[in-house]
N, C-alpha and C. Protein backbone atom coordinates (compact mmCIF):
# COMPACT_ATOMS: atom_id res chain seq x y z
N MET A 1 0.85 -1.17 0.00
CA MET A 1 0.00 0.00 0.00
C MET A 1 0.90 1.23 0.00
N ARG A 2 0.58 2.16 -0.85
CA ARG A 2 1.33 3.41 -0.89
C ARG A 2 0.65 4.43 0.01
N VAL A 3 1.44 5.09 0.83
CA VAL A 3 0.91 6.10 1.75
C VAL A 3 1.74 7.36 1.62
N LYS A 4 1.13 8.48 1.95
CA LYS A 4 1.79 9.77 1.84
C LYS A 4 1.79 10.46 3.19
N CYS A 5 2.93 10.96 3.61
CA CYS A 5 3.06 11.67 4.88
C CYS A 5 2.29 12.99 4.80
N VAL A 6 1.54 13.30 5.86
CA VAL A 6 0.72 14.51 5.84
C VAL A 6 1.56 15.77 6.05
N ILE A 7 2.78 15.63 6.53
CA ILE A 7 3.62 16.81 6.80
C ILE A 7 4.58 17.10 5.66
N CYS A 8 5.35 16.10 5.25
CA CYS A 8 6.40 16.35 4.26
C CYS A 8 6.06 15.84 2.86
N ASP A 9 4.91 15.20 2.68
CA ASP A 9 4.45 14.67 1.38
C ASP A 9 5.36 13.59 0.80
N LYS A 10 6.10 12.91 1.67
CA LYS A 10 6.95 11.81 1.24
C LYS A 10 6.06 10.58 1.04
N ILE A 11 6.27 9.85 -0.04
CA ILE A 11 5.48 8.66 -0.34
C ILE A 11 6.26 7.43 0.10
N ASP A 12 5.63 6.61 0.94
CA ASP A 12 6.22 5.37 1.43
C ASP A 12 5.35 4.20 1.02
N LYS A 13 5.92 3.02 1.12
CA LYS A 13 5.18 1.81 0.83
C LYS A 13 5.17 0.96 2.10
N ILE A 14 3.96 0.58 2.54
CA ILE A 14 3.82 -0.28 3.70
C ILE A 14 3.13 -1.57 3.28
N ASP A 15 3.28 -2.60 4.08
CA ASP A 15 2.67 -3.89 3.79
C ASP A 15 1.16 -3.78 3.80
N ASP A 16 0.51 -4.39 2.82
CA ASP A 16 -0.96 -4.31 2.71
C ASP A 16 -1.68 -4.94 3.89
N TYR A 17 -1.06 -5.89 4.55
CA TYR A 17 -1.73 -6.62 5.62
C TYR A 17 -1.27 -6.19 7.01
N SER A 18 -0.56 -5.11 7.11
CA SER A 18 -0.11 -4.62 8.42
C SER A 18 -1.27 -3.95 9.15
N PRO A 19 -1.20 -3.90 10.48
CA PRO A 19 -2.26 -3.22 11.24
C PRO A 19 -2.41 -1.74 10.87
N LEU A 20 -1.30 -1.09 10.55
CA LEU A 20 -1.37 0.32 10.16
C LEU A 20 -2.13 0.48 8.86
N ALA A 21 -1.90 -0.40 7.89
CA ALA A 21 -2.60 -0.31 6.62
C ALA A 21 -4.10 -0.55 6.81
N LYS A 22 -4.44 -1.48 7.67
CA LYS A 22 -5.85 -1.74 7.93
C LYS A 22 -6.51 -0.53 8.59
N LYS A 23 -5.80 0.09 9.54
CA LYS A 23 -6.34 1.27 10.22
C LYS A 23 -6.56 2.41 9.23
N LEU A 24 -5.62 2.61 8.31
CA LEU A 24 -5.74 3.69 7.34
C LEU A 24 -6.86 3.42 6.33
N ARG A 25 -7.06 2.16 5.97
CA ARG A 25 -8.13 1.83 5.03
C ARG A 25 -9.51 1.96 5.65
N ASN A 26 -9.66 1.49 6.87
CA ASN A 26 -10.99 1.41 7.48
C ASN A 26 -11.43 2.69 8.18
N ARG A 27 -10.51 3.53 8.55
CA ARG A 27 -10.85 4.77 9.23
C ARG A 27 -10.17 5.94 8.53
N PRO A 28 -10.86 6.60 7.63
CA PRO A 28 -10.23 7.66 6.83
C PRO A 28 -9.75 8.86 7.65
N ILE A 29 -10.23 9.01 8.87
CA ILE A 29 -9.80 10.15 9.68
C ILE A 29 -8.34 9.99 10.14
N HIS A 30 -7.84 8.76 10.24
CA HIS A 30 -6.46 8.54 10.62
C HIS A 30 -5.54 8.91 9.46
N THR A 31 -4.43 9.50 9.78
CA THR A 31 -3.48 9.93 8.76
C THR A 31 -2.13 9.29 9.01
N TYR A 32 -1.31 9.23 7.98
CA TYR A 32 0.00 8.62 8.04
C TYR A 32 1.07 9.69 8.22
N MET A 33 2.04 9.40 9.09
CA MET A 33 3.18 10.30 9.28
C MET A 33 4.45 9.45 9.18
N CYS A 34 5.40 9.86 8.37
CA CYS A 34 6.62 9.09 8.18
C CYS A 34 7.45 9.08 9.47
N ASP A 35 8.42 8.18 9.52
CA ASP A 35 9.24 8.02 10.72
C ASP A 35 10.04 9.27 11.05
N GLU A 36 10.58 9.95 10.02
CA GLU A 36 11.38 11.15 10.26
C GLU A 36 10.54 12.26 10.90
N CYS A 37 9.34 12.48 10.36
CA CYS A 37 8.46 13.52 10.92
C CYS A 37 8.00 13.15 12.32
N ASN A 38 7.71 11.88 12.52
CA ASN A 38 7.28 11.43 13.83
C ASN A 38 8.38 11.64 14.88
N GLU A 39 9.61 11.31 14.54
CA GLU A 39 10.74 11.52 15.46
C GLU A 39 10.97 13.00 15.73
N ARG A 40 10.86 13.82 14.69
CA ARG A 40 11.07 15.26 14.85
C ARG A 40 10.01 15.87 15.78
N ILE A 41 8.77 15.51 15.57
CA ILE A 41 7.70 16.06 16.40
C ILE A 41 7.80 15.56 17.83
N SER A 42 8.07 14.27 18.01
CA SER A 42 8.17 13.74 19.37
C SER A 42 9.38 14.34 20.10
N GLY A 43 10.48 14.58 19.39
CA GLY A 43 11.65 15.21 20.02
C GLY A 43 11.36 16.63 20.47
N ARG A 44 10.67 17.38 19.64
CA ARG A 44 10.33 18.77 20.01
C ARG A 44 9.32 18.81 21.15
N THR A 45 8.39 17.85 21.16
CA THR A 45 7.41 17.79 22.25
C THR A 45 8.10 17.48 23.56
N GLU A 46 9.03 16.54 23.55
CA GLU A 46 9.78 16.21 24.77
C GLU A 46 10.60 17.41 25.24
N ALA A 47 11.15 18.19 24.31
CA ALA A 47 11.91 19.38 24.69
C ALA A 47 10.99 20.42 25.33
N ARG A 48 9.78 20.59 24.81
CA ARG A 48 8.82 21.53 25.42
C ARG A 48 8.38 21.05 26.79
N LYS A 49 8.20 19.75 26.95
CA LYS A 49 7.84 19.20 28.27
C LYS A 49 8.95 19.49 29.28
N ALA A 50 10.19 19.32 28.86
CA ALA A 50 11.33 19.53 29.75
C ALA A 50 11.50 21.00 30.11
N SER A 51 11.08 21.92 29.22
CA SER A 51 11.27 23.34 29.50
C SER A 51 10.26 23.86 30.51
N GLY A 52 9.15 23.15 30.70
CA GLY A 52 8.15 23.59 31.66
C GLY A 52 7.06 24.44 31.03
N ASN A 53 7.13 24.73 29.75
CA ASN A 53 6.12 25.54 29.07
C ASN A 53 5.02 24.69 28.43
N PHE A 54 5.03 23.41 28.68
CA PHE A 54 4.06 22.50 28.07
C PHE A 54 2.96 22.21 29.09
N ARG A 55 1.72 22.47 28.70
CA ARG A 55 0.58 22.17 29.57
C ARG A 55 -0.37 21.27 28.80
N LEU A 56 -0.71 20.17 29.41
CA LEU A 56 -1.64 19.24 28.81
C LEU A 56 -3.01 19.47 29.42
N TYR A 57 -3.93 19.93 28.61
CA TYR A 57 -5.28 20.22 29.08
C TYR A 57 -6.14 18.98 28.94
N ARG A 58 -6.62 18.49 30.05
CA ARG A 58 -7.50 17.32 30.07
C ARG A 58 -8.84 17.72 30.67
N PRO A 59 -9.90 17.03 30.29
CA PRO A 59 -11.20 17.37 30.86
C PRO A 59 -11.25 17.10 32.36
N LYS A 60 -11.98 17.91 33.05
CA LYS A 60 -12.11 17.80 34.49
C LYS A 60 -12.99 16.61 34.83
N LYS A 61 -12.50 15.68 35.68
CA LYS A 61 -13.25 14.49 36.03
C LYS A 61 -14.09 14.70 37.29
N THR A 62 -13.48 15.27 38.32
CA THR A 62 -14.20 15.52 39.57
C THR A 62 -13.87 16.93 40.04
N GLU A 63 -14.56 17.36 41.06
CA GLU A 63 -14.31 18.69 41.61
C GLU A 63 -12.93 18.80 42.25
N ASN A 64 -12.39 17.72 42.77
CA ASN A 64 -11.10 17.74 43.46
C ASN A 64 -9.90 17.71 42.53
N ASP A 65 -10.12 17.48 41.23
CA ASP A 65 -9.01 17.43 40.28
C ASP A 65 -8.35 18.79 40.09
N TRP A 66 -9.09 19.88 40.26
CA TRP A 66 -8.53 21.19 40.02
C TRP A 66 -8.05 21.73 41.30
């Protein structure tokens, strides 16, 4: 299966029977990201987490969570 990275437009080939290929075929909302872009984004996210400027907003579950 040929897939295209949503960030850099690089075209890769993945196995037709892999779980990723099945997920991309059956759920069009999921998108493919190549390994280089994935590593770059995860590295920058980890750097933001380490700097202290990263806030993860999650829905409030109970009154005591805040």
